[in-house]
């Protein structure tokens, strides 16, 4: 025998870019999905600093639209060039 209960559940209804504020979810996705809990078609930047770091214990998480993520990648490439790094694309 199964016992059931109605319980409220939080669902993700939209995801916004931390840099420009635009939604990272195409309108057709919002119209045809009940929730976006498993939507992952956007850029994410996450950093956690460990023991001994100057930022010990800090964490950062940013969701980014494709345009802003590309700008970030381009900036990193500029920094690599400035510092004489020629790293291969991963």
Protein backbone atom coordinates (compact mmCIF):
# COMPACT_ATOMS: atom_id res chain seq x y z
CA UNK A 1 0.00 0.00 0.00
CA UNK A 2 1.27 3.48 -0.86
CA UNK A 3 0.62 6.56 1.16
CA UNK A 4 0.60 9.84 -0.72
CA UNK A 5 0.55 13.47 0.27
CA UNK A 6 0.43 16.75 -1.60
CA UNK A 7 3.56 18.75 -0.89
CA UNK A 8 4.60 22.10 -2.30
CA UNK A 9 7.63 21.88 -4.60
CA UNK A 10 9.81 24.77 -5.73
CA UNK A 11 10.51 24.79 -9.44
CA UNK A 12 12.75 27.03 -11.51
CA UNK A 13 10.64 29.19 -13.81
CA UNK A 14 13.40 31.35 -15.33
CA UNK A 15 17.17 31.86 -15.14
CA UNK A 16 18.78 35.28 -15.56
CA UNK A 17 22.32 36.23 -16.56
CA UNK A 18 24.27 37.64 -13.62
CA UNK A 19 26.12 40.02 -15.96
CA UNK A 20 23.42 41.61 -18.15
CA UNK A 21 20.18 40.52 -16.48
CA UNK A 22 18.68 38.93 -19.59
CA UNK A 23 16.89 35.59 -19.41
CA UNK A 24 19.10 32.70 -20.57
CA UNK A 25 16.01 30.58 -21.37
CA UNK A 26 14.50 30.83 -24.86
CA UNK A 27 10.79 31.74 -24.85
CA UNK A 28 9.78 28.44 -26.48
CA UNK A 29 11.39 26.56 -23.56
CA UNK A 30 9.45 28.64 -21.02
CA UNK A 31 6.20 28.04 -22.91
CA UNK A 32 6.56 24.26 -23.24
CA UNK A 33 8.09 23.18 -19.93
CA UNK A 34 6.48 23.06 -16.51
CA UNK A 35 9.81 23.74 -14.82
CA UNK A 36 13.40 24.43 -15.75
CA UNK A 37 15.04 22.41 -12.97
CA UNK A 38 17.09 20.40 -15.48
CA UNK A 39 17.67 23.22 -18.02
CA UNK A 40 21.42 23.60 -18.52
CA UNK A 41 21.90 25.34 -21.85
CA UNK A 42 23.78 28.35 -20.49
CA UNK A 43 27.22 29.17 -19.14
CA UNK A 44 28.09 28.80 -15.47
CA UNK A 45 31.13 30.09 -13.65
CA UNK A 46 31.82 28.66 -10.20
CA UNK A 47 34.78 29.21 -7.91
CA UNK A 48 35.47 27.91 -4.39
CA UNK A 49 38.57 28.90 -2.48
CA UNK A 50 40.13 26.53 0.00
CA UNK A 51 42.23 26.68 3.12
CA UNK A 52 45.28 28.92 2.87
CA UNK A 53 43.96 31.01 0.00
CA UNK A 54 43.60 34.77 0.38
CA UNK A 55 39.90 34.18 -0.31
CA UNK A 56 39.66 31.23 2.09
CA UNK A 57 36.07 30.03 2.34
CA UNK A 58 34.68 32.28 -0.41
CA UNK A 59 32.51 30.82 -3.13
CA UNK A 60 31.16 32.48 -6.24
CA UNK A 61 28.53 31.26 -8.70
CA UNK A 62 27.42 33.09 -11.82
CA UNK A 63 24.90 32.07 -14.48
CA UNK A 64 25.71 33.68 -17.83
CA UNK A 65 23.92 34.03 -21.16
CA UNK A 66 25.82 32.92 -24.26
CA UNK A 67 26.79 36.48 -25.21
CA UNK A 68 28.23 37.35 -21.79
CA UNK A 69 29.96 33.98 -21.48
CA UNK A 70 31.62 34.53 -24.87
CA UNK A 71 32.75 37.99 -23.72
CA UNK A 72 34.27 36.39 -20.61
CA UNK A 73 36.07 33.75 -22.71
CA UNK A 74 37.39 36.48 -25.01
CA UNK A 75 38.65 38.45 -21.99
CA UNK A 76 40.46 35.38 -20.67
CA UNK A 77 42.07 34.90 -24.08
CA UNK A 78 43.22 38.56 -23.96
CA UNK A 79 44.73 37.98 -20.52
CA UNK A 80 46.52 34.86 -21.78
CA UNK A 81 47.99 36.83 -24.66
CA UNK A 82 49.01 39.66 -22.34
CA UNK A 83 50.84 37.20 -20.08
CA UNK A 84 52.40 35.28 -22.97
CA UNK A 85 50.34 32.15 -22.48
CA UNK A 86 49.42 30.08 -25.50
CA UNK A 87 47.06 27.53 -24.01
CA UNK A 88 45.20 25.11 -26.22
CA UNK A 89 41.42 25.21 -26.34
CA UNK A 90 39.75 22.74 -23.95
